[in-house]
Amino acid sequence: MQRSSNRKSKVNLLPEDIRQTLNALIRSGDMTQKDIRLEINKMIDEAGLGEDTKLSRTGFNRYAQKMEDMGARLRQSREVAEVWTSKLGDKPTSDISKLLQEFVRTMAFETSMKMMEAADADGEVIPPKALNQLALVVQRIEQAAMTSHKVEKEIRAAFASEVADATEAVAKRAGLTEETVKMLKAEFLGIA
């Protein structure tokens, strides 16, 4: 028998507290899948939700596999971030910030694509709350990018000012004229 593509899984239909317990048990790795399923079905019984709400072995295994796949992707993303962060360890902070911002942008894009696919498959629209949260993530990424850019410009300006002052001091000690110092600053530092 083929599952209808617009039918929600039993796990998604569970009350929030039972679903959170299920996810916590899967993440912990302390119990076998069979024991987790029995524990959740016991909670379903205690909540009086009925036999048709209980999780089947195949349905639970499918959900657990989906959660494991998502966990693996998250672990992989963290490992990639760690590799790049350690590789950029001696680089300016803005490089690391830019990299992390790009990771978050990619994750937001992937999330929005999955939301659209799920909505299309279920024949539903994306909930406004989910769209609002996604928009908030994008807004915060862009604010962080603007802040990073502003700080980077301020650091560069401060560095250019320090170099200009040092250049001027060295040039004067070397006996160069004020006109030559101005020319050096304009040529090498872009400072008039």
C-alpha atoms as a PDB file:
ATOM      1  CA  MET A   1       0.000   0.000   0.000  1.00  0.00           C
ATOM      2  CA  GLN A   2       1.424   3.375  -1.012  1.00  0.00           C
ATOM      3  CA  ARG A   3       1.369   6.287   1.420  1.00  0.00           C
ATOM      4  CA  SER A   4      -0.519   9.334   0.340  1.00  0.00           C
ATOM      5  CA  SER A   5       1.936  12.171  -0.201  1.00  0.00           C
ATOM      6  CA  ASN A   6      -0.350  14.759   1.379  1.00  0.00           C
ATOM      7  CA  ARG A   7      -0.899  12.854   4.622  1.00  0.00           C
ATOM      8  CA  LYS A   8       1.114  13.965   7.641  1.00  0.00           C
ATOM      9  CA  SER A   9       3.145  11.349   9.472  1.00  0.00           C
ATOM     10  CA  LYS A  10       1.896  10.072  12.806  1.00  0.00           C
ATOM     11  CA  VAL A  11       4.898  11.674  14.498  1.00  0.00           C
ATOM     12  CA  ASN A  12       3.930  15.107  13.147  1.00  0.00           C
ATOM     13  CA  LEU A  13       0.396  14.610  14.482  1.00  0.00           C
ATOM     14  CA  LEU A  14       1.594  13.839  18.028  1.00  0.00           C
ATOM     15  CA  PRO A  15       1.160  16.454  20.764  1.00  0.00           C
ATOM     16  CA  GLU A  16       4.189  18.744  21.080  1.00  0.00           C
ATOM     17  CA  ASP A  17       5.332  17.364  24.466  1.00  0.00           C
ATOM     18  CA  ILE A  18       5.356  13.760  23.228  1.00  0.00           C
ATOM     19  CA  ARG A  19       7.116  14.749  19.998  1.00  0.00           C
ATOM     20  CA  GLN A  20       9.765  16.669  21.963  1.00  0.00           C
ATOM     21  CA  THR A  21      10.321  13.652  24.229  1.00  0.00           C
ATOM     22  CA  LEU A  22      10.629  11.431  21.148  1.00  0.00           C
ATOM     23  CA  ASN A  23      13.221  13.743  19.583  1.00  0.00           C
ATOM     24  CA  ALA A  24      15.166  13.996  22.853  1.00  0.00           C
ATOM     25  CA  LEU A  25      15.266  10.203  23.202  1.00  0.00           C
ATOM     26  CA  ILE A  26      16.463   9.781  19.622  1.00  0.00           C
ATOM     27  CA  ARG A  27      19.175  12.443  20.075  1.00  0.00           C
ATOM     28  CA  SER A  28      20.411  10.990  23.368  1.00  0.00           C
ATOM     29  CA  GLY A  29      21.275   7.614  21.849  1.00  0.00           C
ATOM     30  CA  ASP A  30      20.793   5.982  25.254  1.00  0.00           C
ATOM     31  CA  MET A  31      17.947   3.677  24.184  1.00  0.00           C
ATOM     32  CA  THR A  32      17.332   1.304  21.311  1.00  0.00           C
ATOM     33  CA  GLN A  33      14.790   2.318  18.694  1.00  0.00           C
ATOM     34  CA  LYS A  34      12.502  -0.436  19.897  1.00  0.00           C
ATOM     35  CA  ASP A  35      12.639   0.868  23.491  1.00  0.00           C
ATOM     36  CA  ILE A  36      12.039   4.443  22.352  1.00  0.00           C
ATOM     37  CA  ARG A  37       9.019   3.370  20.293  1.00  0.00           C
ATOM     38  CA  LEU A  38       7.610   1.412  23.240  1.00  0.00           C
ATOM     39  CA  GLU A  39       8.140   4.377  25.565  1.00  0.00           C
ATOM     40  CA  ILE A  40       6.438   6.804  23.171  1.00  0.00           C
ATOM     41  CA  ASN A  41       3.538   4.410  22.587  1.00  0.00           C
ATOM     42  CA  LYS A  42       3.181   4.154  26.371  1.00  0.00           C
ATOM     43  CA  MET A  43       2.977   7.960  26.555  1.00  0.00           C
ATOM     44  CA  ILE A  44       0.361   7.887  23.782  1.00  0.00           C
ATOM     45  CA  ASP A  45      -1.668   5.382  25.825  1.00  0.00           C
ATOM     46  CA  GLU A  46      -1.341   7.499  28.981  1.00  0.00           C
ATOM     47  CA  ALA A  47      -2.511  10.566  27.054  1.00  0.00           C
ATOM     48  CA  GLY A  48      -5.547   8.600  25.860  1.00  0.00           C
ATOM     49  CA  LEU A  49      -4.828   9.284  22.186  1.00  0.00           C
ATOM     50  CA  GLY A  50      -6.003   5.901  20.882  1.00  0.00           C
ATOM     51  CA  GLU A  51      -4.475   2.888  19.160  1.00  0.00           C
ATOM     52  CA  ASP A  52      -4.431   4.478  15.701  1.00  0.00           C
ATOM     53  CA  THR A  53      -2.068   7.167  17.029  1.00  0.00           C
ATOM     54  CA  LYS A  54       0.604   4.679  18.112  1.00  0.00           C
ATOM     55  CA  LEU A  55       3.806   4.510  16.117  1.00  0.00           C
ATOM     56  CA  SER A  56       4.430   1.467  13.946  1.00  0.00           C
ATOM     57  CA  ARG A  57       7.900  -0.025  13.724  1.00  0.00           C
ATOM     58  CA  THR A  58       8.357   1.042  10.084  1.00  0.00           C
ATOM     59  CA  GLY A  59       6.911   4.526  10.600  1.00  0.00           C
ATOM     60  CA  PHE A  60       9.114   5.085  13.632  1.00  0.00           C
ATOM     61  CA  ASN A  61      12.208   3.735  11.847  1.00  0.00           C
ATOM     62  CA  ARG A  62      11.536   6.066   8.906  1.00  0.00           C
ATOM     63  CA  TYR A  63      11.241   9.058  11.267  1.00  0.00           C
ATOM     64  CA  ALA A  64      14.335   8.042  13.273  1.00  0.00           C
ATOM     65  CA  GLN A  65      16.322   7.682  10.043  1.00  0.00           C
ATOM     66  CA  LYS A  66      15.173  11.140   8.927  1.00  0.00           C
ATOM     67  CA  MET A  67      16.309  12.602  12.275  1.00  0.00           C
ATOM     68  CA  GLU A  68      19.645  10.778  12.011  1.00  0.00           C
ATOM     69  CA  ASP A  69      20.160  12.126   8.500  1.00  0.00           C
ATOM     70  CA  MET A  70      19.422  15.660   9.699  1.00  0.00           C
ATOM     71  CA  GLY A  71      21.792  15.169  12.641  1.00  0.00           C
ATOM     72  CA  ALA A  72      24.501  13.898  10.311  1.00  0.00           C
ATOM     73  CA  ARG A  73      24.108  16.967   8.093  1.00  0.00           C
ATOM     74  CA  LEU A  74      24.310  19.223  11.127  1.00  0.00           C
ATOM     75  CA  ARG A  75      27.447  17.436  12.366  1.00  0.00           C
ATOM     76  CA  GLN A  76      28.948  17.690   8.889  1.00  0.00           C
ATOM     77  CA  SER A  77      28.187  21.423   8.750  1.00  0.00           C
ATOM     78  CA  ARG A  78      29.840  21.900  12.132  1.00  0.00           C
ATOM     79  CA  GLU A  79      32.906  19.932  11.036  1.00  0.00           C
ATOM     80  CA  VAL A  80      33.222  22.010   7.860  1.00  0.00           C
ATOM     81  CA  ALA A  81      32.859  25.197   9.912  1.00  0.00           C
ATOM     82  CA  GLU A  82      35.541  23.986  12.343  1.00  0.00           C
ATOM     83  CA  VAL A  83      37.930  23.123   9.507  1.00  0.00           C
ATOM     84  CA  TRP A  84      37.490  26.509   7.858  1.00  0.00           C
ATOM     85  CA  THR A  85      37.571  28.388  11.135  1.00  0.00           C
ATOM     86  CA  SER A  86      40.842  26.685  12.108  1.00  0.00           C
ATOM     87  CA  LYS A  87      42.227  27.277   8.603  1.00  0.00           C
ATOM     88  CA  LEU A  88      41.341  30.959   8.874  1.00  0.00           C
ATOM     89  CA  GLY A  89      42.517  31.145  12.472  1.00  0.00           C
ATOM     90  CA  ASP A  90      45.270  33.622  11.708  1.00  0.00           C
ATOM     91  CA  LYS A  91      43.145  35.548   9.222  1.00  0.00           C
ATOM     92  CA  PRO A  92      41.110  38.634  10.037  1.00  0.00           C
ATOM     93  CA  THR A  93      37.961  38.013  12.019  1.00  0.00           C
ATOM     94  CA  SER A  94      35.890  39.404   9.168  1.00  0.00           C
ATOM     95  CA  ASP A  95      36.906  36.441   6.963  1.00  0.00           C
ATOM     96  CA  ILE A  96      35.539  34.024   9.543  1.00  0.00           C
ATOM     97  CA  SER A  97      32.416  36.142   9.973  1.00  0.00           C
ATOM     98  CA  LYS A  98      31.855  36.213   6.225  1.00  0.00           C
ATOM     99  CA  LEU A  99      32.267  32.441   6.032  1.00  0.00           C
ATOM    100  CA  LEU A 100      29.819  31.817   8.864  1.00  0.00           C
ATOM    101  CA  GLN A 101      27.333  34.300   7.398  1.00  0.00           C
ATOM    102  CA  GLU A 102      27.514  32.441   4.106  1.00  0.00           C
ATOM    103  CA  PHE A 103      26.871  29.125   5.895  1.00  0.00           C
ATOM    104  CA  VAL A 104      23.781  30.598   7.540  1.00  0.00           C
ATOM    105  CA  ARG A 105      22.601  32.050   4.210  1.00  0.00           C
ATOM    106  CA  THR A 106      22.966  28.614   2.614  1.00  0.00           C
ATOM    107  CA  MET A 107      21.106  26.944   5.470  1.00  0.00           C
ATOM    108  CA  ALA A 108      18.303  29.525   5.253  1.00  0.00           C
ATOM    109  CA  PHE A 109      18.032  28.920   1.510  1.00  0.00           C
ATOM    110  CA  GLU A 110      17.950  25.126   1.954  1.00  0.00           C
ATOM    111  CA  THR A 111      15.338  25.482   4.698  1.00  0.00           C
ATOM    112  CA  SER A 112      13.138  27.682   2.526  1.00  0.00           C
ATOM    113  CA  MET A 113      13.406  25.193  -0.354  1.00  0.00           C
ATOM    114  CA  LYS A 114      12.423  22.307   1.930  1.00  0.00           C
ATOM    115  CA  MET A 115       9.505  24.329   3.301  1.00  0.00           C
ATOM    116  CA  MET A 116       8.306  24.985  -0.247  1.00  0.00           C
ATOM    117  CA  GLU A 117       8.673  21.299  -1.186  1.00  0.00           C
ATOM    118  CA  ALA A 118       6.787  20.210   1.926  1.00  0.00           C
ATOM    119  CA  ALA A 119       4.042  22.740   1.312  1.00  0.00           C
ATOM    120  CA  ASP A 120       3.708  21.603  -2.308  1.00  0.00           C
ATOM    121  CA  ALA A 121       3.632  17.942  -1.266  1.00  0.00           C
ATOM    122  CA  ASP A 122       1.011  18.572   1.431  1.00  0.00           C
ATOM    123  CA  GLY A 123      -0.999  20.905  -0.785  1.00  0.00           C
ATOM    124  CA  GLU A 124      -0.712  23.573   1.901  1.00  0.00           C
ATOM    125  CA  VAL A 125       0.762  27.022   2.162  1.00  0.00           C
ATOM    126  CA  ILE A 126       3.807  27.795   4.251  1.00  0.00           C
ATOM    127  CA  PRO A 127       2.660  29.010   7.681  1.00  0.00           C
ATOM    128  CA  PRO A 128       3.116  32.779   8.125  1.00  0.00           C
ATOM    129  CA  LYS A 129       4.991  32.185  11.399  1.00  0.00           C
ATOM    130  CA  ALA A 130       7.595  30.065   9.588  1.00  0.00           C
ATOM    131  CA  LEU A 131       7.972  32.714   6.872  1.00  0.00           C
ATOM    132  CA  ASN A 132       8.339  35.399   9.532  1.00  0.00           C
ATOM    133  CA  GLN A 133      11.068  33.429  11.310  1.00  0.00           C
ATOM    134  CA  LEU A 134      12.909  32.816   8.052  1.00  0.00           C
ATOM    135  CA  ALA A 135      12.670  36.506   7.149  1.00  0.00           C
ATOM    136  CA  LEU A 136      14.034  37.382  10.594  1.00  0.00           C
ATOM    137  CA  VAL A 137      17.020  35.057  10.062  1.00  0.00           C
ATOM    138  CA  VAL A 138      17.755  36.669   6.694  1.00  0.00           C
ATOM    139  CA  GLN A 139      17.427  40.155   8.201  1.00  0.00           C
ATOM    140  CA  ARG A 140      19.850  39.272  10.999  1.00  0.00           C
ATOM    141  CA  ILE A 141      22.364  37.792   8.548  1.00  0.00           C
ATOM    142  CA  GLU A 142      22.297  40.985   6.518  1.00  0.00           C
ATOM    143  CA  GLN A 143      22.598  43.157   9.642  1.00  0.00           C
ATOM    144  CA  ALA A 144      25.613  41.113  10.713  1.00  0.00           C
ATOM    145  CA  ALA A 145      27.128  41.519   7.246  1.00  0.00           C
ATOM    146  CA  MET A 146      26.602  45.292   7.363  1.00  0.00           C
ATOM    147  CA  THR A 147      28.113  45.492  10.845  1.00  0.00           C
ATOM    148  CA  SER A 148      31.106  43.382   9.769  1.00  0.00           C
ATOM    149  CA  HIS A 149      31.619  45.598   6.719  1.00  0.00           C
ATOM    150  CA  LYS A 150      31.433  48.767   8.841  1.00  0.00           C
ATOM    151  CA  VAL A 151      33.902  47.412  11.412  1.00  0.00           C
ATOM    152  CA  GLU A 152      36.241  46.254   8.637  1.00  0.00           C
ATOM    153  CA  LYS A 153      36.182  49.743   7.061  1.00  0.00           C
ATOM    154  CA  GLU A 154      36.906  51.334  10.457  1.00  0.00           C
ATOM    155  CA  ILE A 155      39.834  48.949  11.046  1.00  0.00           C
ATOM    156  CA  ARG A 156      41.255  49.665   7.598  1.00  0.00           C
ATOM    157  CA  ALA A 157      40.889  53.421   8.092  1.00  0.00           C
ATOM    158  CA  ALA A 158      42.621  53.222  11.489  1.00  0.00           C
ATOM    159  CA  PHE A 159      45.406  51.088   9.989  1.00  0.00           C
ATOM    160  CA  ALA A 160      45.835  53.496   7.051  1.00  0.00           C
ATOM    161  CA  SER A 161      46.017  56.403   9.482  1.00  0.00           C
ATOM    162  CA  GLU A 162      48.687  54.626  11.566  1.00  0.00           C
ATOM    163  CA  VAL A 163      50.696  53.782   8.445  1.00  0.00           C
ATOM    164  CA  ALA A 164      50.377  57.355   7.202  1.00  0.00           C
ATOM    165  CA  ASP A 165      51.650  58.715  10.507  1.00  0.00           C
ATOM    166  CA  ALA A 166      54.541  56.235  10.532  1.00  0.00           C
ATOM    167  CA  THR A 167      55.370  57.013   6.894  1.00  0.00           C
ATOM    168  CA  GLU A 168      55.396  60.708   7.619  1.00  0.00           C
ATOM    169  CA  ALA A 169      57.654  60.265  10.654  1.00  0.00           C
ATOM    170  CA  VAL A 170      60.132  58.029   8.780  1.00  0.00           C
ATOM    171  CA  ALA A 171      60.137  60.302   5.746  1.00  0.00           C
ATOM    172  CA  LYS A 172      60.873  63.386   7.858  1.00  0.00           C
ATOM    173  CA  ARG A 173      63.689  61.576   9.682  1.00  0.00           C
ATOM    174  CA  ALA A 174      65.105  60.646   6.289  1.00  0.00           C
ATOM    175  CA  GLY A 175      65.125  64.313   5.366  1.00  0.00           C
ATOM    176  CA  LEU A 176      62.379  64.219   2.738  1.00  0.00           C
ATOM    177  CA  THR A 177      60.440  67.360   2.044  1.00  0.00           C
ATOM    178  CA  GLU A 178      56.840  67.813   3.062  1.00  0.00           C
ATOM    179  CA  GLU A 179      55.895  67.737  -0.624  1.00  0.00           C
ATOM    180  CA  THR A 180      57.624  64.346  -1.079  1.00  0.00           C
ATOM    181  CA  VAL A 181      55.874  62.995   2.036  1.00  0.00           C
ATOM    182  CA  LYS A 182      52.500  64.051   0.590  1.00  0.00           C
ATOM    183  CA  MET A 183      53.364  62.383  -2.694  1.00  0.00           C
ATOM    184  CA  LEU A 184      54.323  59.114  -0.938  1.00  0.00           C
ATOM    185  CA  LYS A 185      51.117  59.120   1.105  1.00  0.00           C
ATOM    186  CA  ALA A 186      49.040  59.761  -2.000  1.00  0.00           C
ATOM    187  CA  GLU A 187      50.880  57.143  -4.085  1.00  0.00           C
ATOM    188  CA  PHE A 188      51.070  54.284  -1.582  1.00  0.00           C
ATOM    189  CA  LEU A 189      48.178  54.927   0.784  1.00  0.00           C
ATOM    190  CA  GLY A 190      45.723  56.845  -1.316  1.00  0.00           C
ATOM    191  CA  ILE A 191      45.739  59.661   1.235  1.00  0.00           C
ATOM    192  CA  ALA A 192      45.807  63.194  -0.060  1.00  0.00           C
END
